[in-house]
Amino acid sequence: MKIDVRSVHFDLSEESKQYLATRAERIGYAKDMIVDLLFVFTKDSKNYKLEVTANFRWGVQKISKEKEKVQERK
């Protein structure tokens, strides 16, 4: 299983990349079924978006999206 992590409009810290690698180990049982996982983090004005794409050996692709608004500091 190949894991690719990308960030758009900001630099993802090494600590965050390591955290993702650790979390991805939890699905190690599926490594023979998943060809690759692509994590794309995008930051725009007040939002962070995460899109995860999993490509399976039998040709199915699943996409999961998450969005979080950035809290302004006062």
N, C-alpha and C. Protein backbone atom coordinates (compact mmCIF):
# COMPACT_ATOMS: atom_id res chain seq x y z
N MET A 1 0.85 -1.17 0.00
CA MET A 1 0.00 0.00 0.00
C MET A 1 0.90 1.23 0.00
N LYS A 2 0.68 2.09 -0.96
CA LYS A 2 1.43 3.33 -1.07
C LYS A 2 0.61 4.44 -0.42
N ILE A 3 1.26 5.26 0.39
CA ILE A 3 0.60 6.39 1.05
C ILE A 3 1.25 7.67 0.57
N ASP A 4 0.44 8.60 0.07
CA ASP A 4 0.93 9.88 -0.43
C ASP A 4 0.21 10.99 0.35
N VAL A 5 0.97 11.93 0.89
CA VAL A 5 0.41 13.04 1.66
C VAL A 5 0.81 14.35 0.99
N ARG A 6 -0.18 15.18 0.70
CA ARG A 6 0.07 16.47 0.05
C ARG A 6 -0.62 17.57 0.83
N SER A 7 -0.03 18.76 0.77
CA SER A 7 -0.67 19.92 1.37
C SER A 7 -0.67 21.05 0.34
N VAL A 8 -1.78 21.78 0.28
CA VAL A 8 -1.96 22.85 -0.69
C VAL A 8 -2.13 24.17 0.06
N HIS A 9 -1.33 25.15 -0.29
CA HIS A 9 -1.35 26.50 0.28
C HIS A 9 -0.77 26.58 1.70
N PHE A 10 -0.09 25.55 2.16
CA PHE A 10 0.61 25.60 3.43
C PHE A 10 1.54 24.39 3.50
N ASP A 11 2.48 24.43 4.43
CA ASP A 11 3.41 23.32 4.63
C ASP A 11 2.94 22.48 5.81
N LEU A 12 2.76 21.21 5.56
CA LEU A 12 2.36 20.27 6.61
C LEU A 12 3.61 19.90 7.41
N SER A 13 3.54 20.01 8.72
CA SER A 13 4.71 19.74 9.56
C SER A 13 5.08 18.26 9.53
N GLU A 14 6.33 17.98 9.81
CA GLU A 14 6.80 16.59 9.87
C GLU A 14 6.06 15.83 10.97
N GLU A 15 5.75 16.52 12.05
CA GLU A 15 4.99 15.90 13.14
C GLU A 15 3.62 15.43 12.66
N SER A 16 2.96 16.24 11.85
CA SER A 16 1.66 15.88 11.30
C SER A 16 1.78 14.71 10.32
N LYS A 17 2.81 14.71 9.51
CA LYS A 17 3.04 13.61 8.58
C LYS A 17 3.29 12.31 9.34
N GLN A 18 4.05 12.39 10.41
CA GLN A 18 4.31 11.20 11.23
C GLN A 18 3.03 10.70 11.89
N TYR A 19 2.21 11.62 12.35
CA TYR A 19 0.93 11.25 12.95
C TYR A 19 0.07 10.49 11.94
N LEU A 20 0.02 10.98 10.71
CA LEU A 20 -0.75 10.31 9.66
C LEU A 20 -0.21 8.90 9.40
N ALA A 21 1.11 8.76 9.35
CA ALA A 21 1.70 7.45 9.12
C ALA A 21 1.34 6.48 10.23
N THR A 22 1.35 6.97 11.46
CA THR A 22 0.98 6.15 12.61
C THR A 22 -0.49 5.73 12.52
N ARG A 23 -1.34 6.66 12.16
CA ARG A 23 -2.78 6.36 12.04
C ARG A 23 -3.04 5.39 10.89
N ALA A 24 -2.30 5.53 9.79
CA ALA A 24 -2.48 4.65 8.63
C ALA A 24 -2.07 3.21 8.96
N GLU A 25 -1.17 3.03 9.92
CA GLU A 25 -0.77 1.69 10.34
C GLU A 25 -1.96 0.92 10.91
N ARG A 26 -2.95 1.62 11.41
CA ARG A 26 -4.13 0.97 12.00
C ARG A 26 -4.95 0.22 10.96
N ILE A 27 -4.79 0.56 9.69
CA ILE A 27 -5.51 -0.17 8.66
C ILE A 27 -4.57 -1.13 7.91
N GLY A 28 -3.50 -1.51 8.57
CA GLY A 28 -2.54 -2.44 7.99
C GLY A 28 -3.15 -3.75 7.56
N TYR A 29 -4.23 -4.14 8.22
CA TYR A 29 -4.91 -5.39 7.87
C TYR A 29 -5.45 -5.34 6.43
N ALA A 30 -5.63 -4.15 5.87
CA ALA A 30 -6.19 -4.00 4.53
C ALA A 30 -5.12 -3.72 3.48
N LYS A 31 -3.85 -3.82 3.86
CA LYS A 31 -2.78 -3.45 2.93
C LYS A 31 -2.77 -4.27 1.65
N ASP A 32 -3.30 -5.48 1.70
CA ASP A 32 -3.37 -6.30 0.49
C ASP A 32 -4.56 -5.94 -0.38
N MET A 33 -5.49 -5.17 0.13
CA MET A 33 -6.68 -4.77 -0.61
C MET A 33 -6.58 -3.35 -1.18
N ILE A 34 -5.79 -2.49 -0.52
CA ILE A 34 -5.68 -1.09 -0.93
C ILE A 34 -4.38 -0.90 -1.71
N VAL A 35 -4.50 -0.36 -2.91
CA VAL A 35 -3.32 -0.08 -3.74
C VAL A 35 -2.62 1.16 -3.21
N ASP A 36 -3.39 2.24 -3.03
CA ASP A 36 -2.80 3.46 -2.50
C ASP A 36 -3.82 4.33 -1.79
N LEU A 37 -3.29 5.16 -0.89
CA LEU A 37 -4.07 6.14 -0.15
C LEU A 37 -3.48 7.51 -0.46
N LEU A 38 -4.33 8.46 -0.78
CA LEU A 38 -3.87 9.81 -1.05
C LEU A 38 -4.58 10.76 -0.10
N PHE A 39 -3.79 11.45 0.73
CA PHE A 39 -4.30 12.47 1.65
C PHE A 39 -3.96 13.84 1.07
N VAL A 40 -4.97 14.68 0.84
CA VAL A 40 -4.74 16.03 0.33
C VAL A 40 -5.35 17.02 1.32
N PHE A 41 -4.48 17.81 1.96
CA PHE A 41 -4.90 18.86 2.88
C PHE A 41 -4.85 20.18 2.13
N THR A 42 -5.92 20.96 2.21
CA THR A 42 -5.98 22.25 1.54
C THR A 42 -6.40 23.32 2.55
N LYS A 43 -5.70 24.44 2.50
CA LYS A 43 -6.05 25.57 3.37
C LYS A 43 -6.45 26.73 2.48
N ASP A 44 -7.64 27.26 2.74
CA ASP A 44 -8.04 28.51 2.12
C ASP A 44 -8.49 29.44 3.23
N SER A 45 -8.65 30.66 2.96
CA SER A 45 -8.85 31.73 3.94
C SER A 45 -9.17 31.29 5.37
N LYS A 46 -10.31 30.67 5.62
CA LYS A 46 -10.67 30.33 7.00
C LYS A 46 -11.00 28.84 7.17
N ASN A 47 -10.63 28.03 6.21
CA ASN A 47 -10.99 26.62 6.28
C ASN A 47 -9.82 25.70 5.96
N TYR A 48 -9.85 24.55 6.58
CA TYR A 48 -8.97 23.45 6.20
C TYR A 48 -9.85 22.35 5.64
N LYS A 49 -9.41 21.75 4.57
CA LYS A 49 -10.14 20.65 3.96
C LYS A 49 -9.21 19.45 3.85
N LEU A 50 -9.76 18.28 4.07
CA LEU A 50 -9.02 17.03 3.90
C LEU A 50 -9.82 16.14 2.97
N GLU A 51 -9.15 15.64 1.95
CA GLU A 51 -9.76 14.68 1.05
C GLU A 51 -8.87 13.44 1.03
N VAL A 52 -9.46 12.30 1.34
CA VAL A 52 -8.73 11.04 1.35
C VAL A 52 -9.30 10.16 0.25
N THR A 53 -8.42 9.68 -0.61
CA THR A 53 -8.82 8.79 -1.69
C THR A 53 -8.16 7.45 -1.49
N ALA A 54 -8.96 6.40 -1.48
CA ALA A 54 -8.45 5.03 -1.36
C ALA A 54 -8.76 4.29 -2.65
N ASN A 55 -7.72 3.77 -3.29
CA ASN A 55 -7.87 2.99 -4.50
C ASN A 55 -7.69 1.52 -4.16
N PHE A 56 -8.71 0.72 -4.44
CA PHE A 56 -8.68 -0.70 -4.11
C PHE A 56 -8.25 -1.53 -5.32
N ARG A 57 -7.69 -2.70 -5.04
CA ARG A 57 -7.17 -3.59 -6.08
C ARG A 57 -8.21 -3.98 -7.12
N TRP A 58 -9.46 -4.08 -6.74
CA TRP A 58 -10.51 -4.52 -7.67
C TRP A 58 -11.09 -3.37 -8.47
N GLY A 59 -10.44 -2.19 -8.44
CA GLY A 59 -10.82 -1.08 -9.29
C GLY A 59 -11.78 -0.08 -8.69
N VAL A 60 -12.16 -0.25 -7.44
CA VAL A 60 -13.07 0.68 -6.78
C VAL A 60 -12.27 1.79 -6.13
N GLN A 61 -12.79 3.00 -6.21
CA GLN A 61 -12.17 4.16 -5.58
C GLN A 61 -13.17 4.76 -4.61
N LYS A 62 -12.74 4.99 -3.38
CA LYS A 62 -13.58 5.63 -2.36
C LYS A 62 -12.94 6.95 -1.95
N ILE A 63 -13.78 7.97 -1.83
CA ILE A 63 -13.30 9.30 -1.46
C ILE A 63 -14.04 9.77 -0.22
N SER A 64 -13.28 10.30 0.74
CA SER A 64 -13.85 10.84 1.96
C SER A 64 -13.39 12.29 2.08
N LYS A 65 -14.31 13.18 2.44
CA LYS A 65 -13.98 14.61 2.56
C LYS A 65 -14.36 15.11 3.94
N GLU A 66 -13.54 15.99 4.45
CA GLU A 66 -13.76 16.59 5.77
C GLU A 66 -13.41 18.07 5.65
N LYS A 67 -14.09 18.92 6.41
CA LYS A 67 -13.86 20.36 6.37
C LYS A 67 -13.94 20.90 7.78
N GLU A 68 -13.02 21.80 8.12
CA GLU A 68 -13.03 22.40 9.46
C GLU A 68 -12.71 23.87 9.35
N LYS A 69 -13.50 24.68 10.03
CA LYS A 69 -13.28 26.11 10.04
C LYS A 69 -12.22 26.46 11.08
N VAL A 70 -11.33 27.37 10.71
CA VAL A 70 -10.26 27.81 11.59
C VAL A 70 -10.83 28.77 12.63
N GLN A 71 -10.52 28.52 13.88
CA GLN A 71 -10.96 29.40 14.97
C GLN A 71 -10.07 30.64 15.00
N GLU A 72 -10.67 31.79 15.04
CA GLU A 72 -9.90 33.03 15.14
C GLU A 72 -9.50 33.26 16.57
N ARG A 73 -8.26 33.69 16.75
CA ARG A 73 -7.74 33.98 18.10
C ARG A 73 -8.07 35.40 18.49
N LYS A 74 -8.45 35.55 19.73
CA LYS A 74 -8.78 36.91 20.22
C LYS A 74 -7.86 37.32 21.31
